Amino acid sequence: MRDIFTLVLCLQLIKSLQGQILPKDIPKCRFGDSDCIVDSMNKVIRRYPRGIPALGMKPIDVVDIRNSKFWDNPKVGAFWLQFNLFDQVYYGFENTTITKVKGFTKNPTSSLMEIHGRIPSLIHKGRYMSQGRVWIVELNSTGEQLSDFQNFRFVLKLKVIMEYRNNKRYLKIYELNPIVNMDRWVFWLDNFFSENTDLTIAINQVFNIHWVEFWNELEPTNLRIFASVFRDLIEDILYKVSYDDMFLPDEKETREND
């Protein structure tokens, strides 16, 4: 009996290593069935906000992100600023609604893949460290920062390559470009002028009144951060779950195997 149990366990382990299988409560779709794929993605988001480690899906209710240089001017002239972010987390990805997908066909490398979605409120919290000069004012501060991207809409444009492991096809991202829009960007820095609370409040008010101009200036940096975040959320899933296991077999293949 022990030998039989050991054999069955080994066979199951080998099977699991050959390709992870999606949970049974998540419906599989046909290749290219965009409406079904959108519905399936949304079910995964709603039912598994804390992730599925076996499938490479990380928690999305609290998303840790890498340290980043947000602003990095050379230390010359009357105005320069160096602004670094660390201990960062995002809240709100669990409220994502996928609205549209493209390119999830039998051969996903033949065209660009797209994922469209929206998030009512994407909160970014962390700590910052800044150094700089604004005319005669020296900046040297550390504190907490908060961003709220309200009605956040995104389009992820992905290019992928195919890898073959255990006779199955896996996707690997080699390019991910996000396009983002929002209704408003609320931003707040605590302690920006450590010895002048009134000036800290004033500079935050200026930023929030003129947030569109600041977004246009900082958009390339923000997009690099968003690209890194989305890539980290997606690429482990693609590594662990074969592309073919995500979908139902082609009807033609099913008929040929009958």
Protein backbone atom coordinates (compact mmCIF):
# COMPACT_ATOMS: atom_id res chain seq x y z
CA MET A 1 0.00 0.00 0.00
CA ARG A 2 2.83 2.40 0.87
CA ASP A 3 4.51 1.73 -2.49
CA ILE A 4 1.27 2.43 -4.35
CA PHE A 5 0.73 5.65 -2.40
CA THR A 6 4.31 6.75 -3.13
CA LEU A 7 3.89 5.99 -6.85
CA VAL A 8 0.63 7.96 -7.07
CA LEU A 9 2.20 10.89 -5.22
CA CYS A 10 5.20 10.91 -7.55
CA LEU A 11 2.98 10.81 -10.63
CA GLN A 12 0.92 13.72 -9.33
CA LEU A 13 4.08 15.69 -8.58
CA ILE A 14 5.44 15.08 -12.08
CA LYS A 15 2.12 16.13 -13.57
CA SER A 16 2.04 19.32 -11.52
CA LEU A 17 5.59 20.20 -12.56
CA GLN A 18 4.67 19.79 -16.21
CA GLY A 19 2.16 22.62 -16.08
CA GLN A 20 -0.03 24.23 -13.50
CA ILE A 21 -3.79 23.97 -14.01
CA LEU A 22 -6.22 26.81 -13.44
CA PRO A 23 -8.71 26.48 -10.55
CA LYS A 24 -11.87 24.62 -11.51
CA ASP A 25 -14.09 27.59 -10.58
CA ILE A 26 -12.46 29.73 -13.27
CA PRO A 27 -13.98 28.95 -16.69
CA LYS A 28 -11.62 28.28 -19.57
CA CYS A 29 -12.22 29.95 -22.92
CA ARG A 30 -11.56 29.26 -26.57
CA PHE A 31 -8.59 30.98 -28.15
CA GLY A 32 -9.63 34.43 -29.34
CA ASP A 33 -12.94 34.51 -27.42
CA SER A 34 -12.38 37.99 -26.01
CA ASP A 35 -15.68 38.27 -24.12
CA CYS A 36 -15.08 34.98 -22.32
CA ILE A 37 -11.46 35.89 -21.55
CA VAL A 38 -12.53 39.22 -20.04
CA ASP A 39 -15.12 37.47 -17.88
CA SER A 40 -12.60 34.82 -16.75
CA MET A 41 -9.96 37.43 -15.85
CA ASN A 42 -12.46 39.36 -13.77
CA LYS A 43 -13.50 36.22 -11.92
CA VAL A 44 -9.86 35.52 -11.02
CA ILE A 45 -9.40 39.09 -9.75
CA ARG A 46 -12.57 39.01 -7.65
CA ARG A 47 -12.09 35.54 -6.19
CA TYR A 48 -8.35 35.53 -5.56
CA PRO A 49 -7.24 39.00 -4.37
CA ARG A 50 -4.58 37.33 -2.21
CA GLY A 51 -3.14 35.45 -5.12
CA ILE A 52 -2.61 31.81 -6.04
CA PRO A 53 1.06 31.01 -5.28
CA ALA A 54 1.00 27.67 -7.10
CA LEU A 55 0.06 29.49 -10.31
CA GLY A 56 2.49 32.36 -9.86
CA MET A 57 -0.30 34.83 -9.10
CA LYS A 58 0.90 37.30 -6.48
CA PRO A 59 -1.42 39.07 -4.00
CA ILE A 60 -3.08 42.08 -5.60
CA ASP A 61 -4.77 43.58 -2.54
CA VAL A 62 -1.39 44.87 -1.34
CA VAL A 63 1.30 45.13 -4.01
CA ASP A 64 4.90 45.79 -2.97
CA ILE A 65 6.97 47.63 -5.55
CA ARG A 66 10.62 48.38 -6.05
CA ASN A 67 12.45 51.48 -4.90
CA SER A 68 12.61 54.10 -7.62
CA LYS A 69 14.22 57.39 -8.57
CA PHE A 70 11.29 59.67 -9.27
CA TRP A 71 13.23 62.82 -10.04
CA ASP A 72 16.98 62.91 -10.63
CA ASN A 73 18.29 66.31 -11.76
CA PRO A 74 22.02 67.07 -11.82
CA LYS A 75 23.05 69.15 -8.81
CA VAL A 76 23.62 72.35 -10.78
CA GLY A 77 21.88 75.70 -11.16
CA ALA A 78 19.22 77.49 -9.14
CA PHE A 79 16.70 74.67 -9.45
CA TRP A 80 17.41 70.97 -9.12
CA LEU A 81 15.69 68.11 -7.33
CA GLN A 82 16.50 64.51 -6.51
CA PHE A 83 13.53 62.55 -5.27
CA ASN A 84 13.66 58.86 -4.34
CA LEU A 85 10.79 56.58 -3.31
CA PHE A 86 11.14 53.52 -1.08
CA ASP A 87 9.02 51.18 1.11
CA GLN A 88 6.29 51.50 -1.50
CA VAL A 89 2.97 49.68 -1.79
CA TYR A 90 -0.10 49.93 -4.02
CA TYR A 91 -3.66 49.37 -2.83
CA GLY A 92 -6.62 48.94 -5.16
CA PHE A 93 -5.58 46.41 -7.78
CA GLU A 94 -8.13 44.00 -6.28
CA ASN A 95 -10.84 46.38 -7.56
CA THR A 96 -9.60 46.17 -11.14
CA THR A 97 -12.18 45.52 -13.86
CA ILE A 98 -10.83 44.21 -17.15
CA THR A 99 -12.88 45.80 -19.94
CA LYS A 100 -11.28 44.52 -23.15
CA VAL A 101 -8.55 42.20 -24.43
CA LYS A 102 -6.95 41.62 -27.81
CA GLY A 103 -4.52 39.15 -29.27
CA PHE A 104 -5.20 36.09 -27.09
CA THR A 105 -5.28 33.88 -30.16
CA LYS A 106 -3.88 30.44 -30.94
CA ASN A 107 -0.64 32.15 -31.99
CA PRO A 108 -0.20 35.12 -29.61
CA THR A 109 3.21 36.01 -31.06
CA SER A 110 1.69 36.99 -34.41
CA SER A 111 0.20 40.24 -33.12
CA LEU A 112 0.27 42.66 -30.21
CA MET A 113 -1.59 41.53 -27.09
CA GLU A 114 -3.63 44.12 -25.21
CA ILE A 115 -5.32 44.22 -21.81
CA HIS A 116 -7.63 47.16 -21.04
CA GLY A 117 -8.90 47.86 -17.53
CA ARG A 118 -9.93 50.41 -14.95
CA ILE A 119 -9.50 50.87 -11.21
CA PRO A 120 -11.77 53.25 -9.24
CA SER A 121 -8.94 54.39 -6.96
CA LEU A 122 -5.32 53.25 -7.11
CA ILE A 123 -3.53 54.26 -3.90
CA HIS A 124 0.25 54.51 -3.78
CA LYS A 125 1.86 54.86 -0.36
CA GLY A 126 5.48 54.92 0.66
CA ARG A 127 8.32 57.01 1.94
CA TYR A 128 10.41 59.54 0.09
CA MET A 129 13.80 61.16 0.43
CA SER A 130 14.50 64.42 -1.34
CA GLN A 131 17.39 66.77 -1.85
CA GLY A 132 17.35 69.90 -3.92
CA ARG A 133 17.49 73.63 -4.39
CA VAL A 134 14.70 76.03 -5.33
CA TRP A 135 16.41 79.40 -5.80
CA ILE A 136 17.82 80.16 -2.33
CA VAL A 137 15.83 77.43 -0.55
CA GLU A 138 17.67 74.20 0.24
CA LEU A 139 15.66 70.98 0.37
CA ASN A 140 16.65 67.98 2.44
CA SER A 141 13.70 66.01 3.73
CA THR A 142 12.34 62.53 4.37
CA GLY A 143 8.73 61.64 5.01
CA GLU A 144 5.64 59.77 3.88
CA GLN A 145 3.96 60.29 0.54
CA LEU A 146 0.51 59.41 -0.77
CA SER A 147 -0.81 59.29 -4.32
CA ASP A 148 -4.41 58.59 -5.29
CA PHE A 149 -4.96 57.94 -9.01
CA GLN A 150 -8.72 58.35 -9.31
CA ASN A 151 -10.70 56.47 -11.97
CA PHE A 152 -7.45 55.00 -13.24
CA ARG A 153 -7.68 53.51 -16.75
CA PHE A 154 -4.94 51.50 -18.37
CA VAL A 155 -4.08 49.71 -21.59
CA LEU A 156 -1.24 47.20 -21.47
CA LYS A 157 0.39 46.50 -24.83
CA LEU A 158 2.45 43.33 -24.68
CA LYS A 159 4.82 41.65 -27.06
CA VAL A 160 5.63 38.06 -26.16
CA ILE A 161 7.88 35.26 -27.28
CA MET A 162 7.17 31.56 -27.06
CA GLU A 163 9.13 29.11 -24.94
CA TYR A 164 8.71 25.33 -25.00
CA ARG A 165 9.00 23.32 -21.80
CA ASN A 166 7.72 19.79 -21.18
CA ASN A 167 6.13 19.79 -24.64
CA LYS A 168 4.01 22.82 -23.77
CA ARG A 169 4.02 26.43 -24.89
CA TYR A 170 4.82 29.16 -22.37
CA LEU A 171 4.84 32.90 -22.97
CA LYS A 172 7.59 35.28 -21.96
CA ILE A 173 7.15 39.05 -22.01
CA TYR A 174 9.91 40.90 -23.81
CA GLU A 175 8.11 44.24 -24.08
CA LEU A 176 5.30 45.78 -22.02
CA ASN A 177 4.14 49.35 -22.63
CA PRO A 178 1.32 50.85 -20.54
CA ILE A 179 -0.96 53.70 -21.54
CA VAL A 180 -2.73 55.28 -18.57
CA ASN A 181 -5.37 57.95 -17.99
CA MET A 182 -7.17 59.17 -14.90
CA ASP A 183 -9.72 61.73 -13.77
CA ARG A 184 -7.45 63.18 -11.11
CA TRP A 185 -4.11 62.65 -9.39
CA VAL A 186 -4.17 63.55 -5.69
CA PHE A 187 -0.67 63.81 -4.25
CA TRP A 188 0.60 64.65 -0.76
CA LEU A 189 4.05 64.86 0.79
CA ASP A 190 4.43 65.05 4.54
CA ASN A 191 7.27 67.09 5.98
CA PHE A 192 8.53 68.38 2.60
CA PHE A 193 9.80 71.51 4.32
CA SER A 194 10.66 70.05 7.70
CA GLU A 195 10.89 73.41 9.49
CA ASN A 196 7.95 75.11 7.80
CA THR A 197 4.59 73.36 7.92
CA ASP A 198 2.82 76.23 6.15
CA LEU A 199 5.21 76.00 3.20
CA THR A 200 4.73 72.23 3.05
CA ILE A 201 0.95 72.69 2.87
CA ALA A 202 1.33 75.44 0.25
CA ILE A 203 3.55 73.37 -2.06
CA ASN A 204 1.15 70.41 -1.81
CA GLN A 205 -1.78 72.66 -2.68
CA VAL A 206 0.09 74.01 -5.71
CA PHE A 207 0.80 70.48 -6.87
CA ASN A 208 -2.81 69.35 -6.54
CA ILE A 209 -4.20 72.44 -8.28
CA HIS A 210 -1.80 71.98 -11.19
CA TRP A 211 -1.65 68.18 -11.17
CA VAL A 212 -2.13 67.88 -14.96
CA GLU A 213 1.02 69.91 -15.65
CA PHE A 214 2.98 67.84 -13.12
CA TRP A 215 1.64 64.61 -14.64
CA ASN A 216 2.75 65.69 -18.12
CA GLU A 217 6.21 66.43 -16.76
CA LEU A 218 6.51 63.18 -14.81
CA GLU A 219 4.57 60.85 -17.12
CA PRO A 220 7.64 59.00 -18.51
CA THR A 221 8.84 58.20 -14.99
CA ASN A 222 5.37 57.16 -13.85
CA LEU A 223 4.94 54.92 -16.90
CA ARG A 224 8.24 53.17 -16.20
CA ILE A 225 7.05 52.48 -12.65
CA PHE A 226 3.65 51.23 -13.82
CA ALA A 227 5.30 49.02 -16.47
CA SER A 228 7.47 47.42 -13.79
CA VAL A 229 4.48 46.85 -11.49
CA PHE A 230 2.27 45.28 -14.16
CA ARG A 231 5.12 43.14 -15.44
CA ASP A 232 5.84 41.81 -11.96
CA LEU A 233 2.16 40.88 -11.57
CA ILE A 234 1.93 39.04 -14.89
CA GLU A 235 5.22 37.39 -15.74
CA ASP A 236 5.28 34.73 -12.98
CA ILE A 237 1.84 33.52 -14.08
CA LEU A 238 3.04 33.15 -17.66
CA TYR A 239 6.13 31.29 -16.44
CA LYS A 240 4.20 28.76 -14.35
CA VAL A 241 1.05 28.23 -16.42
CA SER A 242 1.44 27.10 -20.00
CA TYR A 243 -0.47 29.14 -22.55
CA ASP A 244 -2.29 26.07 -23.81
CA ASP A 245 -3.46 25.13 -20.29
CA MET A 246 -5.18 28.51 -20.01
CA PHE A 247 -7.56 27.67 -22.87
CA LEU A 248 -9.88 24.94 -24.08
CA PRO A 249 -8.56 22.72 -26.88
CA ASP A 250 -9.37 23.79 -30.41
CA GLU A 251 -12.60 22.24 -31.68
CA LYS A 252 -10.67 20.88 -34.65
CA GLU A 253 -8.10 19.20 -32.39
CA THR A 254 -10.89 17.76 -30.23
CA ARG A 255 -12.61 16.20 -33.28
CA GLU A 256 -9.34 14.75 -34.53
CA ASN A 257 -8.65 13.13 -31.14
CA ASP A 258 -12.14 11.58 -30.89
